[in-house]
Amino acid sequence: MRAQVGEAIRRWFAPREIIIRTSGRIQFVCLSTRAQLIATTMLGGVVLGALGASINLAVEQLHQYSRDMAVRQAEAAYDELLTAFGDFIQRAGGTIATADAEIAALAERTHPGSGMLPPGTDGAPVSGSGNAALKSALRDRLATFESDLRNVSERNRILVDELADLRHALRQAEIDRDGAIEARQAKAEQLADEMSKTRLLGNRGQALQRELAEVAARGASAEARINTLNAKVANLETEIRETNRRAGDIEEQARQLTVALSTAIEQRNRLQNERAVMAGTIGSLRHQLATLQESQANFVADLAERARNNIDDMEKTVAMTGLDVEELLQNIDEHRSGEGGPFIPASAGTGDENQQKLMESVATLGDQVERWEKLHMILRTLPLTAPIDSYYVSSTFGTRADPFNGKRALHEGVDMVSKLRSEVLATAPGTVTFAGWRGGYGRVVEIDHGLGIVTRYAHLHAINVKVGDLVDYRQEIGKLGSSGRSSGPHVHFEVRYNGRPLDPMAFLKAGRYVFKG
C-alpha cells in the first residue's frame, strides 16, 4: 500500500523545473515533490478553511435554534402559569362567594329581615389575550380580593359586636333570673309566713299558691330562653372561627399567587432580555460571516483570474509551437485514468448569496487549477530550448539545396553549429528510445517525451546514454560531432509529433516567449 501511495505521489508530484532567463543567462529552479505537496496542502487548507467556516456557521445556527426553542418553551410555561393563576382566581372567587353567602345567611339568622347581603362576585376567568391585559386583570382581581377581605373583616367586626350584645343580654337575663329566683324564694318565704299566719284563710292561700306556680313557670321559661341563647352564641362563635379560618386561607393563597406572578414576570423579562442579546449576537455573527465569505470569494476569484492569465500565457506558448492545445489536453486525459464511482449529484444548497458566490468561485478555481496542471505537464514535455548552449543555425527547417549535390531536398530539422565535442543536452525530460548509428544521420539519440512528442539529435561525436534510460531536462546525452553524412561539426535537431516533423525553431521561439524578461 505504501509503495502504491509513493508511486502515486511521484507520478502526480514529479520534480518540475522552472526556467529563468536573466541578462542572457538561463537558470533552472527545481520544484521538488515535497515543495509541490506543501503548496497543494496550503491550497487545500484555504478551501477547507472556507468549508470549515460554513460548517461552524451551520452548527452555530443549530445552537441558536436550540436556544430559541428553550425561550419559546419558557414562554409557553409562563402562559400556562398565567392560565393556572386565572383558574385559581376563578376558584378563589367562588370560595369568596360561598363564604359571603354563608356570612349573609348567618347574619340573616342573627338579625332576621336586616337585608345584609354579601357583595357580588362575577368569578369570570382571567383572559389570556396578552401579557398587559393579563397583568391588569390580575391586579384588578387582587384589588377585589383585598376589598372582599376588608368586607369579611367588617362583617366579622359586626358579628363580634352582635356577639357582645348577646353576651350582655345573656348576663342581664341571668341577673333577672337570679333576681326572680331570689324574689320567688322571698315570696315563698313570705307566703309561707302568711300561710302559717292565715292558715284559716284558705282562699287566700290557694291564690298565693297559684301566684307562686306562675312565678316558677316564668323562671323556667326564662332559663329555657337563656339556654337557647347560650346555644346560639356557641354556634355563632363556631361560625366566626370558621369564617376567620377561611379568610386566612384566602389571604395565604392570594400571597402565594402574588409571589408566583412576580416570579413569572421576572423570568419573562429575563428571557426577553436574553433573547434580545442573542438576537444581537446572531446579527453580529451573520454580518461577520457575510464579510468573511465575501472576502474569501473575492480572494478565490482573484486566484482564479491569476490562474486564467497564467493559463492564457501557457496556451499561447503551446500554440506558438504549432501544436493543437485541446488535442494535447485530450491526450493527457486519456493517460490520466484510474477514476470512477457511482454518479451522485451534488445538492444545490440553500446558502445565501455570498456562500453561493464563494462555492462558485472555488469550483471555477478548481477547474482553472486542473487546466493549469495539464498545461504545465504539456510544457514540461515540450522541447523549448536548444540542445546546445552556444550556436548558430546553418540550415533551417523545410526545403533547401542539398550541401553535397546541390539538388532541392527536404530538411526535417535545423542544423546548429558549435564547437566540436560541445555538450549536447536533452531539451525536455523523457525516455531514450534509440541510441546508435543510423545511416546518413551518423550517431543518433532519440528521446520520447510523451504525448506523441519525440526529439532527435544526429551527427554526434559520442553517445552518453542507452535505450531505456530516463533523462532529465538539460542532461548531457552526447557530444557534438560530424558523424554520418555531414559537412562539418554540428548537431541536427528534429522535433516530431506523432511521427510528423515540426519546425524546431517554432519551439525555440515559444521558449523565448516563456523565458522573456
Protein backbone atom coordinates (compact mmCIF):
# COMPACT_ATOMS: atom_id res chain seq x y z
CA MET A 1 0.00 0.00 0.00
CA ARG A 2 2.81 2.41 0.90
CA ALA A 3 4.52 1.60 -2.39
CA GLN A 4 1.33 2.43 -4.30
CA VAL A 5 0.90 5.71 -2.44
CA GLY A 6 4.55 6.59 -3.06
CA GLU A 7 4.18 5.79 -6.73
CA ALA A 8 1.04 7.97 -6.97
CA ILE A 9 2.83 10.87 -5.27
CA ARG A 10 5.85 10.53 -7.58
CA ARG A 11 3.56 10.41 -10.58
CA TRP A 12 1.40 13.42 -9.64
CA PHE A 13 4.10 15.47 -7.94
CA ALA A 14 7.13 14.59 -10.02
CA PRO A 15 10.00 17.11 -9.73
CA ARG A 16 9.45 20.04 -12.06
CA GLU A 17 11.83 22.66 -13.35
CA ILE A 18 11.25 26.37 -13.82
CA ILE A 19 13.48 28.08 -16.37
CA ILE A 20 14.52 31.68 -15.60
CA ARG A 21 16.36 33.81 -18.14
CA THR A 22 18.19 36.90 -16.84
CA SER A 23 20.51 39.09 -18.95
CA GLY A 24 21.03 36.36 -21.49
CA ARG A 25 21.75 33.70 -18.82
CA ILE A 26 19.40 30.82 -18.21
CA GLN A 27 18.85 29.45 -14.72
CA PHE A 28 16.81 26.47 -13.65
CA VAL A 29 14.76 26.20 -10.45
CA CYS A 30 13.66 22.68 -9.49
CA LEU A 31 10.38 22.21 -7.66
CA SER A 32 10.79 19.08 -5.54
CA THR A 33 7.97 16.69 -4.72
CA ARG A 34 7.90 17.95 -1.13
CA ALA A 35 7.57 21.59 -2.20
CA GLN A 36 4.67 20.71 -4.50
CA LEU A 37 2.99 18.74 -1.72
CA ILE A 38 3.34 21.70 0.66
CA ALA A 39 1.86 24.12 -1.91
CA THR A 40 -1.02 21.74 -2.65
CA THR A 41 -1.66 21.29 1.09
CA MET A 42 -1.74 25.07 1.62
CA LEU A 43 -4.24 25.48 -1.23
CA GLY A 44 -6.36 22.65 0.21
CA GLY A 45 -6.12 24.32 3.63
CA VAL A 46 -7.60 27.53 2.20
CA VAL A 47 -10.52 25.61 0.67
CA LEU A 48 -11.03 23.50 3.81
CA GLY A 49 -10.89 26.64 5.96
CA ALA A 50 -13.70 28.18 3.94
CA LEU A 51 -15.73 24.97 4.20
CA GLY A 52 -14.98 24.80 7.96
CA ALA A 53 -16.27 28.36 8.44
CA SER A 54 -19.50 27.41 6.64
CA ILE A 55 -19.87 24.28 8.81
CA ASN A 56 -19.19 26.32 12.01
CA LEU A 57 -21.90 28.74 10.93
CA ALA A 58 -24.35 25.87 10.42
CA VAL A 59 -23.51 24.48 13.88
CA GLU A 60 -23.87 27.93 15.45
CA GLN A 61 -27.24 28.38 13.73
CA LEU A 62 -28.31 24.99 15.09
CA HIS A 63 -27.25 26.04 18.62
CA GLN A 64 -29.12 29.32 18.22
CA TYR A 65 -32.20 27.42 17.08
CA SER A 66 -31.98 25.27 20.27
CA ARG A 67 -31.76 28.42 22.42
CA ASP A 68 -34.79 29.93 20.63
CA MET A 69 -36.72 26.72 21.30
CA ALA A 70 -35.79 26.95 25.00
CA VAL A 71 -37.04 30.55 25.10
CA ARG A 72 -40.34 29.58 23.42
CA GLN A 73 -40.77 26.69 25.88
CA ALA A 74 -40.19 29.08 28.80
CA GLU A 75 -42.78 31.47 27.36
CA ALA A 76 -45.24 28.57 26.96
CA ALA A 77 -44.62 27.59 30.60
CA TYR A 78 -45.17 31.23 31.57
CA ASP A 79 -48.52 31.28 29.67
CA GLU A 80 -49.54 28.03 31.40
CA LEU A 81 -48.69 29.58 34.78
CA LEU A 82 -50.83 32.62 33.97
CA THR A 83 -53.70 30.35 32.87
CA ALA A 84 -53.41 28.36 36.10
CA PHE A 85 -53.37 31.63 38.05
CA GLY A 86 -56.58 32.69 36.28
CA ASP A 87 -58.21 29.34 37.12
CA PHE A 88 -57.16 29.77 40.74
CA ILE A 89 -58.62 33.30 40.76
CA GLN A 90 -61.88 31.86 39.48
CA ARG A 91 -61.91 29.18 42.18
CA ALA A 92 -60.97 31.78 44.83
CA GLY A 93 -63.83 33.96 43.60
CA GLY A 94 -66.21 31.03 44.02
CA THR A 95 -64.83 30.41 47.50
CA ILE A 96 -65.33 34.05 48.48
CA ALA A 97 -68.84 34.00 47.07
CA THR A 98 -69.61 30.87 49.15
CA ALA A 99 -68.12 32.48 52.27
CA ASP A 100 -70.14 35.65 51.65
CA ALA A 101 -73.31 33.61 51.22
CA GLU A 102 -72.68 31.78 54.48
CA ILE A 103 -71.93 35.01 56.34
CA ALA A 104 -75.08 36.57 54.88
CA ALA A 105 -77.11 33.55 55.96
CA LEU A 106 -75.61 33.77 59.45
CA ALA A 107 -76.38 37.50 59.61
CA GLU A 108 -79.93 36.78 58.43
CA ARG A 109 -80.38 34.19 61.16
CA THR A 110 -78.93 36.56 63.74
CA HIS A 111 -80.92 39.60 62.57
CA PRO A 112 -83.84 38.35 60.51
CA GLY A 113 -85.05 40.79 57.89
CA SER A 114 -81.98 43.02 58.16
CA GLY A 115 -81.25 42.59 54.41
CA MET A 116 -77.46 42.10 54.88
CA LEU A 117 -76.10 40.50 51.67
CA PRO A 118 -72.50 39.94 50.61
CA PRO A 119 -71.09 41.92 47.72
CA GLY A 120 -71.44 40.17 44.34
CA THR A 121 -68.52 38.43 42.63
CA ASP A 122 -68.63 37.57 38.97
CA GLY A 123 -65.99 34.73 39.09
CA ALA A 124 -65.17 35.25 35.46
CA PRO A 125 -61.90 33.61 34.32
CA VAL A 126 -58.98 35.85 33.56
CA SER A 127 -58.47 36.49 29.84
CA GLY A 128 -55.18 35.34 28.30
CA SER A 129 -55.23 37.62 25.22
CA GLY A 130 -51.99 39.31 26.17
CA ASN A 131 -49.46 39.92 28.92
CA ALA A 132 -50.61 43.53 29.50
CA ALA A 133 -54.30 42.54 29.73
CA LEU A 134 -53.38 39.64 32.00
CA LYS A 135 -51.40 41.90 34.36
CA SER A 136 -54.29 44.39 34.53
CA ALA A 137 -56.82 41.60 35.17
CA LEU A 138 -54.64 40.11 37.92
CA ARG A 139 -54.18 43.46 39.59
CA ASP A 140 -57.98 44.02 39.44
CA ARG A 141 -58.58 40.56 40.90
CA LEU A 142 -56.06 41.19 43.73
CA ALA A 143 -57.81 44.50 44.44
CA THR A 144 -61.11 42.59 44.55
CA PHE A 145 -59.50 40.11 46.99
CA GLU A 146 -58.40 42.95 49.23
CA SER A 147 -61.87 44.56 49.08
CA ASP A 148 -63.53 41.22 49.86
CA LEU A 149 -61.14 40.63 52.75
CA ARG A 150 -61.94 44.08 54.11
CA ASN A 151 -65.68 43.27 53.79
CA VAL A 152 -65.16 39.97 55.60
CA SER A 153 -63.23 41.77 58.38
CA GLU A 154 -66.02 44.35 58.63
CA ARG A 155 -68.67 41.63 58.84
CA ASN A 156 -66.61 39.82 61.46
CA ARG A 157 -66.43 43.04 63.45
CA ILE A 158 -70.23 43.41 63.21
CA LEU A 159 -70.69 39.78 64.30
CA VAL A 160 -68.33 40.32 67.24
CA ASP A 161 -70.33 43.39 68.26
CA GLU A 162 -73.56 41.40 67.98
CA LEU A 163 -71.96 38.62 69.99
CA ALA A 164 -71.02 41.15 72.68
CA ASP A 165 -74.63 42.42 72.72
CA LEU A 166 -75.91 38.85 73.04
CA ARG A 167 -73.47 38.15 75.85
CA HIS A 168 -74.64 41.37 77.57
CA ALA A 169 -78.27 40.33 77.13
CA LEU A 170 -77.36 36.89 78.48
CA ARG A 171 -75.74 38.40 81.54
CA GLN A 172 -78.79 40.63 82.03
CA ALA A 173 -81.10 37.62 81.70
CA GLU A 174 -79.01 35.72 84.25
CA ILE A 175 -79.27 38.69 86.62
CA ASP A 176 -83.02 38.85 86.05
CA ARG A 177 -83.24 35.10 86.61
CA ASP A 178 -81.25 35.32 89.84
CA GLY A 179 -83.43 38.25 90.94
CA ALA A 180 -86.57 36.31 90.07
CA ILE A 181 -85.31 33.28 91.99
CA GLU A 182 -84.47 35.42 95.00
CA ALA A 183 -87.84 37.18 94.69
CA ARG A 184 -89.55 33.79 94.39
CA GLN A 185 -87.74 32.48 97.43
CA ALA A 186 -88.57 35.66 99.34
CA LYS A 187 -92.13 35.45 98.10
CA ALA A 188 -92.27 31.78 99.05
CA GLU A 189 -90.96 32.56 102.50
CA GLN A 190 -93.44 35.43 102.76
CA LEU A 191 -96.22 33.20 101.57
CA ALA A 192 -95.19 30.50 103.98
CA ASP A 193 -95.32 33.01 106.77
CA GLU A 194 -98.64 34.27 105.59
CA MET A 195 -99.88 30.74 105.16
CA SER A 196 -98.79 29.96 108.66
CA LYS A 197 -100.44 33.12 109.88
CA THR A 198 -103.51 32.82 107.77
CA ARG A 199 -103.86 29.13 107.71
CA LEU A 200 -107.53 29.63 108.12
CA LEU A 201 -107.72 31.84 105.12
CA GLY A 202 -107.85 29.02 102.54
CA ASN A 203 -108.95 31.01 99.61
CA ARG A 204 -106.09 33.45 100.04
CA GLY A 205 -103.62 30.59 100.36
CA GLN A 206 -104.75 28.95 97.11
CA ALA A 207 -104.37 32.29 95.33
CA LEU A 208 -100.91 32.66 96.69
CA GLN A 209 -100.01 29.11 95.59
CA ARG A 210 -101.22 29.84 92.05
CA GLU A 211 -99.14 33.02 92.02
CA LEU A 212 -96.11 31.03 93.23
CA ALA A 213 -96.63 28.47 90.42
CA GLU A 214 -96.80 31.24 87.83
CA VAL A 215 -93.56 32.76 89.16
CA ALA A 216 -91.90 29.31 88.95
CA ALA A 217 -93.18 28.85 85.38
CA ARG A 218 -91.84 32.25 84.34
CA GLY A 219 -88.45 31.36 85.89
CA ALA A 220 -88.36 28.05 83.96
CA SER A 221 -89.27 29.88 80.73
CA ALA A 222 -86.52 32.43 81.34
CA GLU A 223 -83.98 29.65 81.98
CA ALA A 224 -85.05 27.90 78.74
CA ARG A 225 -84.58 31.15 76.81
CA ILE A 226 -81.15 31.55 78.43
CA ASN A 227 -80.15 28.01 77.34
CA THR A 228 -81.35 28.77 73.80
CA LEU A 229 -79.31 31.98 73.75
CA ASN A 230 -76.25 30.11 75.01
CA ALA A 231 -76.59 27.56 72.16
CA LYS A 232 -76.96 30.34 69.58
CA VAL A 233 -73.92 32.11 70.98
CA ALA A 234 -71.87 28.87 70.77
CA ASN A 235 -72.95 28.32 67.14
CA LEU A 236 -72.17 31.93 66.29
CA GLU A 237 -68.68 31.65 67.80
CA THR A 238 -68.05 28.43 65.77
CA GLU A 239 -69.17 30.14 62.54
CA ILE A 240 -66.97 33.16 63.28
CA ARG A 241 -63.92 30.93 63.82
CA GLU A 242 -64.65 29.05 60.55
CA THR A 243 -65.04 32.35 58.71
CA ASN A 244 -61.75 33.63 60.13
CA ARG A 245 -60.01 30.38 59.07
CA ARG A 246 -61.37 30.69 55.52
CA ALA A 247 -60.34 34.32 55.35
CA GLY A 248 -56.78 33.32 56.46
CA ASP A 249 -56.65 30.61 53.75
CA ILE A 250 -57.73 33.12 51.13
CA GLU A 251 -55.10 35.62 52.28
CA GLU A 252 -52.36 32.91 52.10
CA GLN A 253 -53.47 31.84 48.62
CA ALA A 254 -53.52 35.47 47.46
CA ARG A 255 -49.98 35.94 48.86
CA GLN A 256 -48.70 32.81 47.11
CA LEU A 257 -50.30 33.89 43.82
CA THR A 258 -48.73 37.34 44.14
CA VAL A 259 -45.28 35.78 44.68
CA ALA A 260 -45.80 33.36 41.75
CA LEU A 261 -46.91 36.23 39.49
CA SER A 262 -43.87 38.33 40.42
CA THR A 263 -41.54 35.36 39.78
CA ALA A 264 -43.17 34.63 36.40
CA ILE A 265 -42.94 38.27 35.31
CA GLU A 266 -39.29 38.41 36.39
CA GLN A 267 -38.50 35.22 34.46
CA ARG A 268 -40.35 36.51 31.40
CA ASN A 269 -38.39 39.78 31.48
CA ARG A 270 -35.08 37.94 31.92
CA LEU A 271 -35.85 35.62 28.99
CA GLN A 272 -36.82 38.58 26.82
CA ASN A 273 -33.53 40.33 27.67
CA GLU A 274 -31.54 37.16 26.94
CA ARG A 275 -33.38 36.71 23.66
CA ALA A 276 -32.62 40.32 22.68
CA VAL A 277 -28.93 39.75 23.50
CA MET A 278 -28.94 36.50 21.48
CA ALA A 279 -30.59 38.26 18.54
CA GLY A 280 -27.89 40.94 18.61
CA THR A 281 -25.14 38.32 18.81
CA ILE A 282 -26.64 36.36 15.90
CA GLY A 283 -26.87 39.51 13.81
CA SER A 284 -23.23 40.35 14.51
CA LEU A 285 -22.10 36.80 13.70
CA ARG A 286 -24.10 36.78 10.46
CA HIS A 287 -22.55 40.10 9.45
CA GLN A 288 -19.06 38.79 10.24
CA LEU A 289 -19.77 35.59 8.29
CA ALA A 290 -21.07 37.55 5.30
CA THR A 291 -17.94 39.73 5.37
CA LEU A 292 -15.70 36.66 5.64
CA GLN A 293 -17.49 34.84 2.82
CA GLU A 294 -17.30 37.91 0.60
CA SER A 295 -13.59 38.29 1.36
CA GLN A 296 -12.96 34.60 0.66
CA ALA A 297 -14.99 34.76 -2.55
CA ASN A 298 -13.00 37.79 -3.73
CA PHE A 299 -9.72 36.07 -2.80
CA VAL A 300 -10.66 32.88 -4.65
CA ALA A 301 -11.90 34.90 -7.64
CA ASP A 302 -8.58 36.78 -7.70
CA LEU A 303 -6.69 33.46 -7.63
CA ALA A 304 -8.90 32.16 -10.45
CA GLU A 305 -8.23 35.30 -12.50
CA ARG A 306 -4.47 34.99 -11.98
CA ALA A 307 -4.64 31.32 -12.91
CA ARG A 308 -6.63 32.27 -16.03
CA ASN A 309 -3.98 34.80 -17.08
CA ASN A 310 -1.22 32.23 -16.49
CA ILE A 311 -3.20 29.64 -18.43
CA ASP A 312 -3.61 32.09 -21.33
CA ASP A 313 0.17 32.58 -21.48
CA MET A 314 0.75 28.84 -21.34
CA GLU A 315 -1.82 28.16 -24.10
CA LYS A 316 -0.25 30.90 -26.21
CA THR A 317 3.16 29.30 -25.73
CA VAL A 318 1.87 25.88 -26.83
CA ALA A 319 0.08 27.43 -29.81
CA MET A 320 3.32 29.11 -30.95
CA THR A 321 4.84 25.64 -31.47
CA GLY A 322 2.12 24.78 -33.97
CA LEU A 323 0.54 22.13 -31.75
CA ASP A 324 -3.20 21.89 -31.01
CA VAL A 325 -3.71 22.71 -27.31
CA GLU A 326 -7.05 20.91 -26.96
CA GLU A 327 -5.68 17.81 -28.67
CA LEU A 328 -2.78 17.66 -26.20
CA LEU A 329 -5.17 18.17 -23.26
CA GLN A 330 -7.29 15.30 -24.53
CA ASN A 331 -4.18 13.12 -24.73
CA ILE A 332 -3.43 13.92 -21.08
CA ASP A 333 -6.99 12.97 -20.08
CA GLU A 334 -6.57 9.63 -21.86
CA HIS A 335 -3.34 8.96 -19.99
CA ARG A 336 -4.77 10.04 -16.60
CA SER A 337 -7.06 7.06 -15.95
CA GLY A 338 -7.96 5.24 -12.74
CA GLU A 339 -11.03 7.28 -11.71
CA GLY A 340 -14.64 6.18 -11.32
CA GLY A 341 -17.52 5.51 -8.93
CA PRO A 342 -21.32 5.96 -8.99
CA PHE A 343 -22.79 9.28 -10.05
CA ILE A 344 -24.24 11.11 -7.05
CA PRO A 345 -25.49 14.59 -8.00
CA ALA A 346 -24.43 17.32 -5.57
CA SER A 347 -27.20 19.17 -3.72
CA ALA A 348 -27.98 22.66 -4.93
CA GLY A 349 -27.66 24.04 -1.40
CA THR A 350 -29.69 26.78 0.29
CA GLY A 351 -26.89 29.13 1.34
CA ASP A 352 -27.07 32.88 0.92
CA GLU A 353 -25.67 34.86 -2.00
CA ASN A 354 -22.16 35.21 -0.51
CA GLN A 355 -21.91 31.47 0.15
CA GLN A 356 -23.10 30.64 -3.38
CA LYS A 357 -20.58 33.12 -4.79
CA LEU A 358 -17.81 31.53 -2.73
CA MET A 359 -18.70 27.98 -3.84
CA GLU A 360 -18.90 29.06 -7.49
CA SER A 361 -15.51 30.79 -7.19
CA VAL A 362 -13.98 27.69 -5.59
CA ALA A 363 -15.40 25.48 -8.35
CA THR A 364 -14.06 27.87 -11.02
CA LEU A 365 -10.66 27.96 -9.31
CA GLY A 366 -10.61 24.15 -9.19
CA ASP A 367 -11.28 23.96 -12.94
CA GLN A 368 -8.60 26.56 -13.64
CA VAL A 369 -6.04 24.75 -11.44
CA GLU A 370 -6.77 21.44 -13.16
CA ARG A 371 -6.30 23.02 -16.61
CA TRP A 372 -3.13 24.77 -15.38
CA GLU A 373 -1.71 21.44 -14.20
CA LYS A 374 -2.42 19.82 -17.57
CA LEU A 375 -0.82 22.71 -19.47
CA HIS A 376 2.17 22.56 -17.13
CA MET A 377 2.57 18.87 -17.95
CA ILE A 378 2.39 19.73 -21.65
CA LEU A 379 5.01 22.47 -21.35
CA ARG A 380 7.23 20.09 -19.40
CA THR A 381 7.20 17.67 -22.36
CA LEU A 382 7.86 20.36 -24.99
CA PRO A 383 11.49 20.95 -26.17
CA LEU A 384 11.52 24.74 -25.69
CA THR A 385 15.32 25.22 -25.53
CA ALA A 386 18.19 24.43 -27.88
CA PRO A 387 20.22 21.23 -27.31
CA ILE A 388 23.47 23.29 -27.06
CA ASP A 389 24.17 26.48 -25.14
CA SER A 390 26.07 28.41 -27.84
CA TYR A 391 25.34 28.00 -31.55
CA TYR A 392 24.27 29.48 -34.83
CA VAL A 393 21.81 27.97 -37.33
CA SER A 394 23.42 26.88 -40.57
CA SER A 395 20.35 25.26 -42.13
CA THR A 396 16.67 25.79 -41.28
CA PHE A 397 13.61 23.53 -41.42
CA GLY A 398 11.96 22.88 -44.79
CA THR A 399 13.20 22.62 -48.37
CA ARG A 400 16.83 23.52 -49.15
CA ALA A 401 19.66 22.85 -51.60
CA ASP A 402 21.49 19.67 -50.61
CA PRO A 403 25.01 20.61 -49.33
CA PHE A 404 26.65 17.76 -51.30
CA ASN A 405 24.85 17.61 -54.64
CA GLY A 406 23.03 20.97 -54.69
CA LYS A 407 19.68 19.39 -55.50
CA ARG A 408 16.42 20.53 -53.87
CA ALA A 409 15.75 18.42 -50.76
CA LEU A 410 13.51 18.35 -47.63
CA HIS A 411 15.28 19.17 -44.38
CA GLU A 412 13.18 17.87 -41.38
CA GLY A 413 15.15 19.66 -38.65
CA VAL A 414 17.60 22.50 -38.06
CA ASP A 415 21.43 22.34 -38.10
CA MET A 416 23.09 24.09 -35.15
CA VAL A 417 26.81 24.73 -35.48
CA SER A 418 29.04 24.88 -32.41
CA LYS A 419 32.43 23.78 -31.15
CA LEU A 420 33.40 20.13 -31.72
CA ARG A 421 32.70 17.88 -28.71
CA SER A 422 30.41 20.51 -27.14
CA GLU A 423 27.82 19.07 -24.72
CA VAL A 424 24.56 18.03 -26.38
CA LEU A 425 21.69 18.33 -23.84
CA ALA A 426 18.20 16.86 -23.62
CA THR A 427 15.67 19.60 -24.37
CA ALA A 428 12.96 18.04 -22.12
CA PRO A 429 12.60 15.07 -19.74
CA GLY A 430 11.89 11.73 -21.39
CA THR A 431 12.94 8.16 -22.20
CA VAL A 432 15.70 7.21 -24.64
CA THR A 433 14.11 5.13 -27.43
CA PHE A 434 17.17 4.95 -29.76
CA ALA A 435 20.92 5.40 -29.22
CA GLY A 436 23.26 4.29 -32.01
CA TRP A 437 24.26 4.60 -35.68
CA ARG A 438 21.58 5.34 -38.28
CA GLY A 439 22.80 5.73 -41.87
CA GLY A 440 23.34 9.31 -43.02
CA TYR A 441 22.38 10.63 -39.55
CA GLY A 442 25.53 9.10 -38.09
CA ARG A 443 25.37 8.67 -34.34
CA VAL A 444 21.79 9.43 -33.23
CA VAL A 445 19.89 9.71 -29.94
CA GLU A 446 16.07 9.78 -29.95
CA ILE A 447 14.06 10.71 -26.82
CA ASP A 448 10.31 10.13 -26.29
CA HIS A 449 8.89 12.96 -24.13
CA GLY A 450 5.31 11.66 -24.01
CA LEU A 451 2.09 12.88 -25.63
CA GLY A 452 3.49 11.82 -29.01
CA ILE A 453 6.46 14.26 -28.91
CA VAL A 454 9.91 12.89 -29.88
CA THR A 455 13.22 14.75 -30.36
CA ARG A 456 16.18 13.54 -32.49
CA TYR A 457 19.86 14.56 -32.08
CA ALA A 458 22.08 13.46 -35.04
CA HIS A 459 25.75 13.58 -36.27
CA LEU A 460 27.01 13.15 -32.67
CA HIS A 461 30.65 12.56 -31.90
CA ALA A 462 29.82 10.37 -28.87
CA ILE A 463 26.70 8.98 -27.14
CA ASN A 464 26.43 9.00 -23.32
CA VAL A 465 23.04 7.24 -22.87
CA LYS A 466 21.44 3.93 -23.83
CA VAL A 467 17.93 2.79 -24.78
CA GLY A 468 15.56 2.81 -21.77
CA ASP A 469 17.40 5.50 -19.84
CA LEU A 470 15.29 8.18 -18.20
CA VAL A 471 16.85 11.56 -18.86
CA ASP A 472 16.14 14.88 -17.16
CA TYR A 473 15.84 18.30 -18.65
CA ARG A 474 19.30 19.64 -19.75
CA GLN A 475 21.01 16.31 -19.03
CA GLU A 476 24.01 15.58 -21.26
CA ILE A 477 23.24 12.83 -23.76
CA GLY A 478 26.33 13.07 -26.02
CA LYS A 479 28.99 15.19 -27.69
CA LEU A 480 28.60 17.37 -30.78
CA GLY A 481 30.35 15.92 -33.81
CA SER A 482 30.22 15.38 -37.60
CA SER A 483 29.40 11.66 -37.98
CA GLY A 484 27.42 10.36 -40.92
CA ARG A 485 26.61 12.48 -43.99
CA SER A 486 27.89 15.78 -42.59
CA SER A 487 29.96 18.64 -43.92
CA GLY A 488 31.25 19.81 -40.52
CA PRO A 489 30.73 19.78 -36.75
CA HIS A 490 27.07 20.48 -35.92
CA VAL A 491 24.01 18.84 -34.36
CA HIS A 492 21.00 18.03 -36.49
CA PHE A 493 17.94 18.69 -34.15
CA GLU A 494 14.45 17.41 -35.00
CA VAL A 495 11.06 17.65 -33.23
CA ARG A 496 8.32 15.17 -34.21
CA TYR A 497 4.68 14.94 -33.10
CA ASN A 498 3.01 11.57 -33.74
CA GLY A 499 5.71 10.90 -36.35
CA ARG A 500 5.18 14.19 -38.16
CA PRO A 501 8.19 16.58 -38.28
CA LEU A 502 7.67 20.09 -36.89
CA ASP A 503 9.84 23.19 -37.17
CA PRO A 504 12.11 23.22 -34.08
CA MET A 505 12.54 26.99 -34.38
CA ALA A 506 8.84 27.44 -33.53
CA PHE A 507 9.50 25.61 -30.24
CA LEU A 508 12.60 27.75 -29.56
CA LYS A 509 10.55 30.90 -30.28
CA ALA A 510 7.90 29.73 -27.83
CA GLY A 511 10.68 29.04 -25.32
CA ARG A 512 11.97 32.60 -25.71
CA TYR A 513 8.41 33.84 -25.04
CA VAL A 514 8.28 31.79 -21.85
CA PHE A 515 11.68 32.95 -20.64
CA LYS A 516 11.30 36.61 -21.64
CA GLY A 517 12.21 39.30 -19.09
